[in-house]
Amino acid sequence: MDQNLHSPQRRLIELRIEHADLDELIDRDAEAGDRHGDELSLRRLKKRRLLLRDEIARLEAELEPPQPA
């Protein structure tokens, strides 16, 4: 059971959920149009989202090997 908690598939799901949460948070900030908000915080959120996207792509490639030619 402990193995399932640390499986690459579970990690991929967790990363996708975190990425979706960040998407929603960033979109909400953009819709609010609050230019007095913390721009640095928004940039950090976007950078984290990008890192998550890269990690998701890496894990997907690891879990789904390329198709034979």
Protein backbone atom coordinates (compact mmCIF):
# COMPACT_ATOMS: atom_id res chain seq x y z
CA MET A 1 0.00 0.00 0.00
CA ASP A 2 2.83 2.39 0.83
CA GLN A 3 4.15 1.86 -2.70
CA ASN A 4 0.91 3.23 -4.20
CA LEU A 5 1.27 6.44 -2.18
CA HIS A 6 4.62 7.14 -3.82
CA SER A 7 3.97 5.84 -7.32
CA PRO A 8 4.79 8.01 -10.36
CA GLN A 9 1.13 7.83 -11.42
CA ARG A 10 -0.03 9.29 -8.10
CA ARG A 11 2.66 11.98 -8.27
CA LEU A 12 1.42 12.88 -11.78
CA ILE A 13 -2.13 13.27 -10.50
CA GLU A 14 -0.97 15.45 -7.62
CA LEU A 15 1.02 17.67 -9.98
CA ARG A 16 -1.94 18.04 -12.34
CA ILE A 17 -4.19 19.06 -9.44
CA GLU A 18 -1.67 21.61 -8.20
CA HIS A 19 -1.27 22.98 -11.75
CA ALA A 20 -5.05 23.33 -12.12
CA ASP A 21 -5.26 25.10 -8.75
CA LEU A 22 -2.57 27.56 -9.81
CA ASP A 23 -4.35 28.15 -13.13
CA GLU A 24 -7.52 29.04 -11.27
CA LEU A 25 -5.71 31.31 -8.83
CA ILE A 26 -3.83 33.14 -11.58
CA ASP A 27 -7.00 33.54 -13.66
CA ARG A 28 -8.90 34.88 -10.66
CA ASP A 29 -6.17 37.47 -10.03
CA ALA A 30 -6.22 38.49 -13.71
CA GLU A 31 -10.02 38.86 -13.72
CA ALA A 32 -9.93 40.97 -10.58
CA GLY A 33 -7.74 43.46 -12.41
CA ASP A 34 -6.16 44.49 -9.15
CA ARG A 35 -3.05 46.32 -10.30
CA HIS A 36 -2.28 47.26 -6.72
CA GLY A 37 -1.82 43.58 -5.92
CA ASP A 38 1.50 41.96 -5.41
CA GLU A 39 3.06 41.63 -8.87
CA LEU A 40 5.99 39.66 -7.46
CA SER A 41 3.62 37.11 -5.97
CA LEU A 42 1.86 36.69 -9.32
CA ARG A 43 5.18 36.16 -11.10
CA ARG A 44 6.13 33.51 -8.55
CA LEU A 45 2.82 31.71 -9.10
CA LYS A 46 3.37 31.73 -12.85
CA LYS A 47 6.93 30.44 -12.45
CA ARG A 48 5.73 27.63 -10.19
CA ARG A 49 3.02 26.76 -12.73
CA LEU A 50 5.66 26.54 -15.46
CA LEU A 51 7.86 24.28 -13.33
CA LEU A 52 4.87 22.05 -12.67
CA ARG A 53 4.11 21.84 -16.39
CA ASP A 54 7.70 20.77 -17.08
CA GLU A 55 7.58 18.15 -14.31
CA ILE A 56 4.25 16.83 -15.62
CA ALA A 57 5.69 16.51 -19.13
CA ARG A 58 8.75 14.70 -17.80
CA LEU A 59 6.67 12.23 -15.81
CA GLU A 60 4.30 11.63 -18.74
CA ALA A 61 7.25 10.86 -21.00
CA GLU A 62 8.66 8.51 -18.37
CA LEU A 63 5.35 6.68 -17.92
CA GLU A 64 4.41 6.56 -21.62
CA PRO A 65 7.43 5.48 -23.65
CA PRO A 66 7.56 6.70 -27.27
CA GLN A 67 5.72 4.67 -29.87
CA PRO A 68 7.89 2.50 -32.15
CA ALA A 69 8.50 3.92 -35.60
